[in-house]
Amino acid sequence: MGVMPGEDEDKRSSAAKKRRVDEIFGDVLPDTTSDEREPGQRTPDSDSWFLENRPPHHDR
């Protein structure tokens, strides 16, 4: 079975759409998922850092 006509074109247009969406919205997903990281290793954008460094006056 060979490649269907237009199949390569569909892949190219799909990749172009993904690039365009990434240009507009940025890369919102981390490079690794939580199950791929070592236990206790945090992503730089995690909320835990903000919660740990929360000023005392915010607890009132």
C-alpha atoms as a PDB file:
ATOM      1  CA  MET A   1       0.000   0.000   0.000  1.00  0.00           C
ATOM      2  CA  GLY A   2       1.431   3.393  -0.959  1.00  0.00           C
ATOM      3  CA  VAL A   3       1.020   6.882   0.331  1.00  0.00           C
ATOM      4  CA  MET A   4      -2.342   8.368  -0.517  1.00  0.00           C
ATOM      5  CA  PRO A   5      -2.291  11.559  -2.560  1.00  0.00           C
ATOM      6  CA  GLY A   6      -2.602  14.564  -0.293  1.00  0.00           C
ATOM      7  CA  GLU A   7      -1.445  12.680   2.823  1.00  0.00           C
ATOM      8  CA  ASP A   8       1.892  14.522   2.945  1.00  0.00           C
ATOM      9  CA  GLU A   9       0.075  17.799   2.348  1.00  0.00           C
ATOM     10  CA  ASP A  10      -2.242  17.073   5.297  1.00  0.00           C
ATOM     11  CA  LYS A  11       0.770  16.433   7.568  1.00  0.00           C
ATOM     12  CA  ARG A  12       2.426  19.673   6.433  1.00  0.00           C
ATOM     13  CA  SER A  13      -0.728  21.737   6.954  1.00  0.00           C
ATOM     14  CA  SER A  14      -1.233  20.142  10.377  1.00  0.00           C
ATOM     15  CA  ALA A  15       2.344  20.994  11.374  1.00  0.00           C
ATOM     16  CA  ALA A  16       1.897  24.538  10.038  1.00  0.00           C
ATOM     17  CA  LYS A  17      -1.297  24.967  12.085  1.00  0.00           C
ATOM     18  CA  LYS A  18       0.475  23.742  15.227  1.00  0.00           C
ATOM     19  CA  ARG A  19       3.352  26.173  14.656  1.00  0.00           C
ATOM     20  CA  ARG A  20       0.871  29.018  14.175  1.00  0.00           C
ATOM     21  CA  VAL A  21      -0.993  28.164  17.389  1.00  0.00           C
ATOM     22  CA  ASP A  22       2.341  27.962  19.258  1.00  0.00           C
ATOM     23  CA  GLU A  23       3.317  31.386  17.867  1.00  0.00           C
ATOM     24  CA  ILE A  24       0.090  32.901  19.172  1.00  0.00           C
ATOM     25  CA  PHE A  25      -0.327  31.146  22.515  1.00  0.00           C
ATOM     26  CA  GLY A  26       3.208  30.034  23.281  1.00  0.00           C
ATOM     27  CA  ASP A  27       4.272  26.682  24.600  1.00  0.00           C
ATOM     28  CA  VAL A  28       2.001  26.098  27.577  1.00  0.00           C
ATOM     29  CA  LEU A  29       2.957  22.507  28.300  1.00  0.00           C
ATOM     30  CA  PRO A  30       6.129  21.564  30.197  1.00  0.00           C
ATOM     31  CA  ASP A  31       8.850  19.583  28.430  1.00  0.00           C
ATOM     32  CA  THR A  32       8.492  16.777  30.973  1.00  0.00           C
ATOM     33  CA  THR A  33       5.491  15.522  32.882  1.00  0.00           C
ATOM     34  CA  SER A  34       5.441  15.038  36.624  1.00  0.00           C
ATOM     35  CA  ASP A  35       5.898  11.270  36.301  1.00  0.00           C
ATOM     36  CA  GLU A  36       9.077  11.785  34.245  1.00  0.00           C
ATOM     37  CA  ARG A  37      10.771  13.984  36.870  1.00  0.00           C
ATOM     38  CA  GLU A  38      12.569  12.909  40.008  1.00  0.00           C
ATOM     39  CA  PRO A  39      10.432  12.970  43.174  1.00  0.00           C
ATOM     40  CA  GLY A  40      10.561  16.402  44.763  1.00  0.00           C
ATOM     41  CA  GLN A  41      11.795  18.098  41.601  1.00  0.00           C
ATOM     42  CA  ARG A  42       9.591  21.055  40.749  1.00  0.00           C
ATOM     43  CA  THR A  43       8.889  22.872  37.555  1.00  0.00           C
ATOM     44  CA  PRO A  44       9.958  26.513  37.640  1.00  0.00           C
ATOM     45  CA  ASP A  45       6.404  27.667  37.032  1.00  0.00           C
ATOM     46  CA  SER A  46       4.750  25.604  39.768  1.00  0.00           C
ATOM     47  CA  ASP A  47       2.591  27.351  42.367  1.00  0.00           C
ATOM     48  CA  SER A  48       4.375  25.648  45.249  1.00  0.00           C
ATOM     49  CA  TRP A  49       7.233  28.157  45.127  1.00  0.00           C
ATOM     50  CA  PHE A  50       4.770  31.022  45.490  1.00  0.00           C
ATOM     51  CA  LEU A  51       2.976  29.325  48.360  1.00  0.00           C
ATOM     52  CA  GLU A  52       6.244  28.624  50.198  1.00  0.00           C
ATOM     53  CA  ASN A  53       7.410  32.221  49.741  1.00  0.00           C
ATOM     54  CA  ARG A  54       4.106  33.841  50.571  1.00  0.00           C
ATOM     55  CA  PRO A  55       4.482  36.967  52.758  1.00  0.00           C
ATOM     56  CA  PRO A  56       3.169  36.630  56.333  1.00  0.00           C
ATOM     57  CA  HIS A  57       0.675  39.451  55.891  1.00  0.00           C
ATOM     58  CA  HIS A  58      -1.189  37.328  53.309  1.00  0.00           C
ATOM     59  CA  ASP A  59      -2.124  34.783  55.979  1.00  0.00           C
ATOM     60  CA  ARG A  60      -4.483  37.144  57.761  1.00  0.00           C
END
